[in-house]
Amino acid sequence: MLNPVTIQYMSREELERLLYSMSAQRDNPEAMMYEAVARRLLALLEKASDR
């Protein structure tokens, strides 16, 4: 079960899998914004690890 404490101790790979598996419902603007933020953070992490 996921909760804030569990997520705090997840590895980067686990967090990436979790975030890529999430999908916001079209009728929920807050969820869509969260999904966009999460995907942008993943893109930034990937870019930083490529350096």
N, C-alpha and C. Protein backbone atom coordinates (compact mmCIF):
# COMPACT_ATOMS: atom_id res chain seq x y z
N MET A 1 0.83 -1.17 0.00
CA MET A 1 0.00 0.00 0.00
C MET A 1 0.88 1.25 0.00
N LEU A 2 0.54 2.19 -0.85
CA LEU A 2 1.32 3.41 -0.93
C LEU A 2 0.78 4.48 0.01
N ASN A 3 1.71 5.11 0.68
CA ASN A 3 1.38 6.27 1.51
C ASN A 3 2.63 7.16 1.51
N PRO A 4 2.53 8.36 2.04
CA PRO A 4 3.69 9.26 2.01
C PRO A 4 4.96 8.68 2.63
N VAL A 5 4.83 7.90 3.67
CA VAL A 5 6.02 7.31 4.30
C VAL A 5 6.64 6.27 3.38
N THR A 6 5.84 5.42 2.78
CA THR A 6 6.35 4.41 1.86
C THR A 6 7.06 5.06 0.69
N ILE A 7 6.47 6.08 0.11
CA ILE A 7 7.04 6.75 -1.05
C ILE A 7 8.37 7.39 -0.69
N GLN A 8 8.49 7.89 0.52
CA GLN A 8 9.73 8.53 0.97
C GLN A 8 10.92 7.58 0.87
N TYR A 9 10.69 6.28 1.04
CA TYR A 9 11.78 5.31 1.06
C TYR A 9 11.93 4.52 -0.25
N MET A 10 11.19 4.90 -1.27
CA MET A 10 11.29 4.21 -2.55
C MET A 10 12.55 4.64 -3.29
N SER A 11 13.10 3.72 -4.06
CA SER A 11 14.28 4.04 -4.87
C SER A 11 13.86 4.88 -6.07
N ARG A 12 14.83 5.44 -6.72
CA ARG A 12 14.55 6.24 -7.92
C ARG A 12 13.83 5.39 -8.98
N GLU A 13 14.30 4.17 -9.17
CA GLU A 13 13.69 3.29 -10.16
C GLU A 13 12.23 2.97 -9.81
N GLU A 14 11.97 2.74 -8.55
CA GLU A 14 10.60 2.48 -8.11
C GLU A 14 9.71 3.70 -8.34
N LEU A 15 10.24 4.88 -8.01
CA LEU A 15 9.47 6.11 -8.23
C LEU A 15 9.20 6.33 -9.71
N GLU A 16 10.19 6.08 -10.55
CA GLU A 16 9.99 6.23 -11.99
C GLU A 16 8.90 5.30 -12.50
N ARG A 17 8.96 4.03 -12.09
CA ARG A 17 7.92 3.08 -12.51
C ARG A 17 6.54 3.53 -12.05
N LEU A 18 6.47 4.00 -10.81
CA LEU A 18 5.20 4.46 -10.27
C LEU A 18 4.66 5.65 -11.07
N LEU A 19 5.52 6.64 -11.30
CA LEU A 19 5.07 7.84 -12.00
C LEU A 19 4.69 7.55 -13.44
N TYR A 20 5.43 6.66 -14.11
CA TYR A 20 5.08 6.33 -15.49
C TYR A 20 3.78 5.51 -15.57
N SER A 21 3.42 4.86 -14.48
CA SER A 21 2.19 4.06 -14.49
C SER A 21 0.95 4.89 -14.18
N MET A 22 1.15 6.12 -13.68
CA MET A 22 0.02 6.96 -13.32
C MET A 22 -0.55 7.65 -14.56
N SER A 23 -1.84 7.81 -14.54
CA SER A 23 -2.51 8.52 -15.64
C SER A 23 -3.71 9.26 -15.07
N ALA A 24 -3.76 10.55 -15.37
CA ALA A 24 -4.84 11.39 -14.83
C ALA A 24 -6.10 11.25 -15.67
N GLN A 25 -7.23 11.38 -15.01
CA GLN A 25 -8.50 11.38 -15.73
C GLN A 25 -8.67 12.74 -16.41
N ARG A 26 -9.23 12.72 -17.60
CA ARG A 26 -9.38 13.95 -18.40
C ARG A 26 -10.26 14.99 -17.72
N ASP A 27 -11.17 14.58 -16.88
CA ASP A 27 -12.09 15.53 -16.25
C ASP A 27 -11.60 16.02 -14.88
N ASN A 28 -10.33 15.76 -14.58
CA ASN A 28 -9.77 16.19 -13.30
C ASN A 28 -8.54 17.07 -13.55
N PRO A 29 -8.72 18.39 -13.63
CA PRO A 29 -7.61 19.28 -13.96
C PRO A 29 -6.45 19.21 -12.96
N GLU A 30 -6.75 19.04 -11.67
CA GLU A 30 -5.67 18.95 -10.68
C GLU A 30 -4.83 17.69 -10.90
N ALA A 31 -5.48 16.58 -11.19
CA ALA A 31 -4.75 15.34 -11.46
C ALA A 31 -3.92 15.47 -12.73
N MET A 32 -4.46 16.14 -13.74
CA MET A 32 -3.73 16.34 -14.99
C MET A 32 -2.50 17.22 -14.74
N MET A 33 -2.64 18.24 -13.90
CA MET A 33 -1.51 19.10 -13.58
C MET A 33 -0.45 18.31 -12.81
N TYR A 34 -0.87 17.49 -11.85
CA TYR A 34 0.07 16.67 -11.09
C TYR A 34 0.83 15.73 -12.03
N GLU A 35 0.12 15.10 -12.95
CA GLU A 35 0.76 14.19 -13.89
C GLU A 35 1.79 14.94 -14.73
N ALA A 36 1.45 16.13 -15.20
CA ALA A 36 2.39 16.92 -16.01
C ALA A 36 3.63 17.28 -15.19
N VAL A 37 3.44 17.67 -13.94
CA VAL A 37 4.58 18.01 -13.07
C VAL A 37 5.46 16.77 -12.86
N ALA A 38 4.85 15.63 -12.58
CA ALA A 38 5.60 14.40 -12.34
C ALA A 38 6.40 14.01 -13.59
N ARG A 39 5.79 14.11 -14.75
CA ARG A 39 6.50 13.76 -15.99
C ARG A 39 7.64 14.73 -16.27
N ARG A 40 7.44 16.00 -15.98
CA ARG A 40 8.50 16.99 -16.17
C ARG A 40 9.66 16.70 -15.21
N LEU A 41 9.36 16.36 -13.98
CA LEU A 41 10.42 16.02 -13.03
C LEU A 41 11.20 14.79 -13.50
N LEU A 42 10.51 13.80 -14.04
CA LEU A 42 11.20 12.63 -14.57
C LEU A 42 12.11 13.01 -15.72
N ALA A 43 11.63 13.87 -16.61
CA ALA A 43 12.45 14.32 -17.74
C ALA A 43 13.70 15.04 -17.24
N LEU A 44 13.54 15.89 -16.23
CA LEU A 44 14.69 16.60 -15.66
C LEU A 44 15.69 15.64 -15.00
N LEU A 45 15.17 14.63 -14.31
CA LEU A 45 16.04 13.63 -13.69
C LEU A 45 16.83 12.86 -14.75
N GLU A 46 16.15 12.49 -15.82
CA GLU A 46 16.83 11.76 -16.89
C GLU A 46 17.90 12.62 -17.53
N LYS A 47 17.58 13.90 -17.77
CA LYS A 47 18.55 14.81 -18.37
C LYS A 47 19.77 14.98 -17.46
N ALA A 48 19.53 15.10 -16.16
CA ALA A 48 20.62 15.28 -15.20
C ALA A 48 21.51 14.04 -15.13
N SER A 49 20.90 12.87 -15.28
CA SER A 49 21.70 11.64 -15.19
C SER A 49 22.49 11.37 -16.46
N ASP A 50 22.13 12.02 -17.57
CA ASP A 50 22.85 11.87 -18.83
C ASP A 50 24.14 12.66 -18.86
N ARG A 51 24.30 13.59 -17.95
CA ARG A 51 25.50 14.45 -17.95
C ARG A 51 26.71 13.73 -17.50
